[in-house]
Amino acid sequence: MDAQTIKERIAQIQSKREYLMSLLEQPNLGTLKIDVNQALEEMDELIDEYRRTFPDTES
């Protein structure tokens, strides 16, 4: 997988992260809030790892 493909996939992940953040604002989320928080944590870790691996790229 080349760097451009990885960059595009990270951009997709970042856009989905915004959706998950909006889900957290829903009052009827119930126990799914735990799963949404976990997904956000994992996304943040992935994005951080990407930035450490490709420090010269903007994302």
N, C-alpha and C. Protein backbone atom coordinates (compact mmCIF):
# COMPACT_ATOMS: atom_id res chain seq x y z
N MET A 1 0.85 -1.16 0.00
CA MET A 1 0.00 0.00 0.00
C MET A 1 0.90 1.23 0.00
N ASP A 2 0.63 2.17 -0.89
CA ASP A 2 1.48 3.35 -0.98
C ASP A 2 1.01 4.44 -0.02
N ALA A 3 1.84 5.43 0.18
CA ALA A 3 1.57 6.49 1.15
C ALA A 3 0.31 7.28 0.80
N GLN A 4 0.05 7.50 -0.46
CA GLN A 4 -1.14 8.24 -0.87
C GLN A 4 -2.42 7.49 -0.49
N THR A 5 -2.44 6.19 -0.68
CA THR A 5 -3.60 5.39 -0.31
C THR A 5 -3.83 5.44 1.19
N ILE A 6 -2.75 5.35 1.95
CA ILE A 6 -2.87 5.42 3.40
C ILE A 6 -3.41 6.78 3.81
N LYS A 7 -2.92 7.84 3.20
CA LYS A 7 -3.38 9.19 3.50
C LYS A 7 -4.87 9.32 3.22
N GLU A 8 -5.34 8.77 2.11
CA GLU A 8 -6.76 8.83 1.77
C GLU A 8 -7.61 8.06 2.79
N ARG A 9 -7.13 6.93 3.21
CA ARG A 9 -7.88 6.14 4.20
C ARG A 9 -7.92 6.83 5.56
N ILE A 10 -6.85 7.48 5.93
CA ILE A 10 -6.84 8.24 7.19
C ILE A 10 -7.85 9.38 7.10
N ALA A 11 -7.93 10.02 5.96
CA ALA A 11 -8.92 11.10 5.78
C ALA A 11 -10.34 10.55 5.93
N GLN A 12 -10.60 9.37 5.42
CA GLN A 12 -11.92 8.75 5.58
C GLN A 12 -12.20 8.46 7.06
N ILE A 13 -11.21 7.95 7.74
CA ILE A 13 -11.35 7.64 9.17
C ILE A 13 -11.64 8.92 9.95
N GLN A 14 -10.94 9.99 9.62
CA GLN A 14 -11.16 11.24 10.32
C GLN A 14 -12.58 11.76 10.10
N SER A 15 -13.12 11.59 8.90
CA SER A 15 -14.48 12.05 8.65
C SER A 15 -15.48 11.20 9.43
N LYS A 16 -15.22 9.93 9.58
CA LYS A 16 -16.10 9.06 10.36
C LYS A 16 -15.99 9.36 11.85
N ARG A 17 -14.85 9.83 12.26
CA ARG A 17 -14.66 10.21 13.66
C ARG A 17 -15.63 11.33 14.02
N GLU A 18 -15.78 12.28 13.14
CA GLU A 18 -16.71 13.38 13.41
C GLU A 18 -18.14 12.86 13.60
N TYR A 19 -18.52 11.86 12.84
CA TYR A 19 -19.85 11.27 13.00
C TYR A 19 -19.99 10.62 14.38
N LEU A 20 -18.97 9.90 14.79
CA LEU A 20 -19.01 9.27 16.12
C LEU A 20 -19.10 10.31 17.22
N MET A 21 -18.41 11.42 17.05
CA MET A 21 -18.49 12.48 18.04
C MET A 21 -19.93 13.00 18.14
N SER A 22 -20.61 13.11 17.00
CA SER A 22 -22.00 13.58 17.03
C SER A 22 -22.91 12.55 17.69
N LEU A 23 -22.58 11.27 17.56
CA LEU A 23 -23.37 10.23 18.22
C LEU A 23 -23.32 10.36 19.75
N LEU A 24 -22.19 10.77 20.26
CA LEU A 24 -22.05 10.90 21.70
C LEU A 24 -23.03 11.92 22.29
N GLU A 25 -23.48 12.83 21.46
CA GLU A 25 -24.41 13.86 21.93
C GLU A 25 -25.85 13.36 22.00
N GLN A 26 -26.10 12.16 21.48
CA GLN A 26 -27.45 11.61 21.49
C GLN A 26 -27.80 11.13 22.90
N PRO A 27 -28.94 11.58 23.42
CA PRO A 27 -29.30 11.20 24.79
C PRO A 27 -29.76 9.75 24.93
N ASN A 28 -30.17 9.12 23.84
CA ASN A 28 -30.71 7.75 23.92
C ASN A 28 -29.69 6.69 23.49
N LEU A 29 -28.43 6.98 23.59
CA LEU A 29 -27.39 6.06 23.14
C LEU A 29 -27.24 4.86 24.08
N GLY A 30 -27.51 5.06 25.35
CA GLY A 30 -27.45 3.96 26.31
C GLY A 30 -26.06 3.37 26.42
N THR A 31 -26.01 2.04 26.48
CA THR A 31 -24.72 1.35 26.66
C THR A 31 -23.86 1.39 25.41
N LEU A 32 -24.43 1.76 24.27
CA LEU A 32 -23.62 1.90 23.06
C LEU A 32 -22.59 3.01 23.18
N LYS A 33 -22.80 3.90 24.16
CA LYS A 33 -21.86 4.99 24.39
C LYS A 33 -20.47 4.43 24.68
N ILE A 34 -20.41 3.31 25.38
CA ILE A 34 -19.13 2.66 25.69
C ILE A 34 -18.43 2.25 24.40
N ASP A 35 -19.17 1.65 23.48
CA ASP A 35 -18.59 1.22 22.20
C ASP A 35 -18.14 2.40 21.35
N VAL A 36 -18.93 3.46 21.36
CA VAL A 36 -18.57 4.66 20.59
C VAL A 36 -17.29 5.27 21.17
N ASN A 37 -17.20 5.34 22.48
CA ASN A 37 -15.98 5.86 23.10
C ASN A 37 -14.77 5.00 22.76
N GLN A 38 -14.94 3.70 22.76
CA GLN A 38 -13.85 2.79 22.41
C GLN A 38 -13.41 2.99 20.96
N ALA A 39 -14.36 3.13 20.08
CA ALA A 39 -14.05 3.36 18.67
C ALA A 39 -13.28 4.68 18.50
N LEU A 40 -13.70 5.71 19.21
CA LEU A 40 -13.00 6.99 19.15
C LEU A 40 -11.56 6.87 19.66
N GLU A 41 -11.38 6.16 20.75
CA GLU A 41 -10.03 5.96 21.28
C GLU A 41 -9.14 5.24 20.28
N GLU A 42 -9.67 4.21 19.65
CA GLU A 42 -8.89 3.46 18.68
C GLU A 42 -8.59 4.29 17.44
N MET A 43 -9.55 5.08 17.02
CA MET A 43 -9.32 5.97 15.87
C MET A 43 -8.23 6.98 16.19
N ASP A 44 -8.28 7.56 17.39
CA ASP A 44 -7.28 8.53 17.80
C ASP A 44 -5.89 7.90 17.82
N GLU A 45 -5.80 6.68 18.32
CA GLU A 45 -4.52 5.97 18.34
C GLU A 45 -4.01 5.74 16.92
N LEU A 46 -4.89 5.34 16.03
CA LEU A 46 -4.50 5.10 14.64
C LEU A 46 -4.02 6.39 13.98
N ILE A 47 -4.74 7.47 14.20
CA ILE A 47 -4.36 8.76 13.61
C ILE A 47 -3.02 9.22 14.18
N ASP A 48 -2.83 9.06 15.48
CA ASP A 48 -1.55 9.43 16.10
C ASP A 48 -0.40 8.61 15.53
N GLU A 49 -0.64 7.32 15.37
CA GLU A 49 0.40 6.45 14.79
C GLU A 49 0.72 6.86 13.36
N TYR A 50 -0.29 7.21 12.60
CA TYR A 50 -0.09 7.68 11.22
C TYR A 50 0.79 8.93 11.23
N ARG A 51 0.47 9.87 12.12
CA ARG A 51 1.22 11.13 12.18
C ARG A 51 2.67 10.91 12.62
N ARG A 52 2.89 9.92 13.47
CA ARG A 52 4.27 9.60 13.87
C ARG A 52 5.03 8.93 12.72
N THR A 53 4.33 8.12 11.94
CA THR A 53 4.97 7.40 10.85
C THR A 53 5.22 8.30 9.65
N PHE A 54 4.27 9.21 9.38
CA PHE A 54 4.38 10.13 8.25
C PHE A 54 4.30 11.57 8.77
N PRO A 55 5.35 12.04 9.45
CA PRO A 55 5.27 13.35 10.09
C PRO A 55 5.19 14.52 9.10
N ASP A 56 5.60 14.34 7.87
CA ASP A 56 5.62 15.43 6.90
C ASP A 56 4.31 15.60 6.16
N THR A 57 3.33 14.73 6.40
CA THR A 57 2.07 14.82 5.67
C THR A 57 1.03 15.54 6.49
N GLU A 58 0.18 16.25 5.82
CA GLU A 58 -0.95 16.93 6.48
C GLU A 58 -2.13 16.00 6.47
N SER A 59 -2.86 15.93 7.59
CA SER A 59 -4.08 15.13 7.64
C SER A 59 -5.09 15.79 8.51
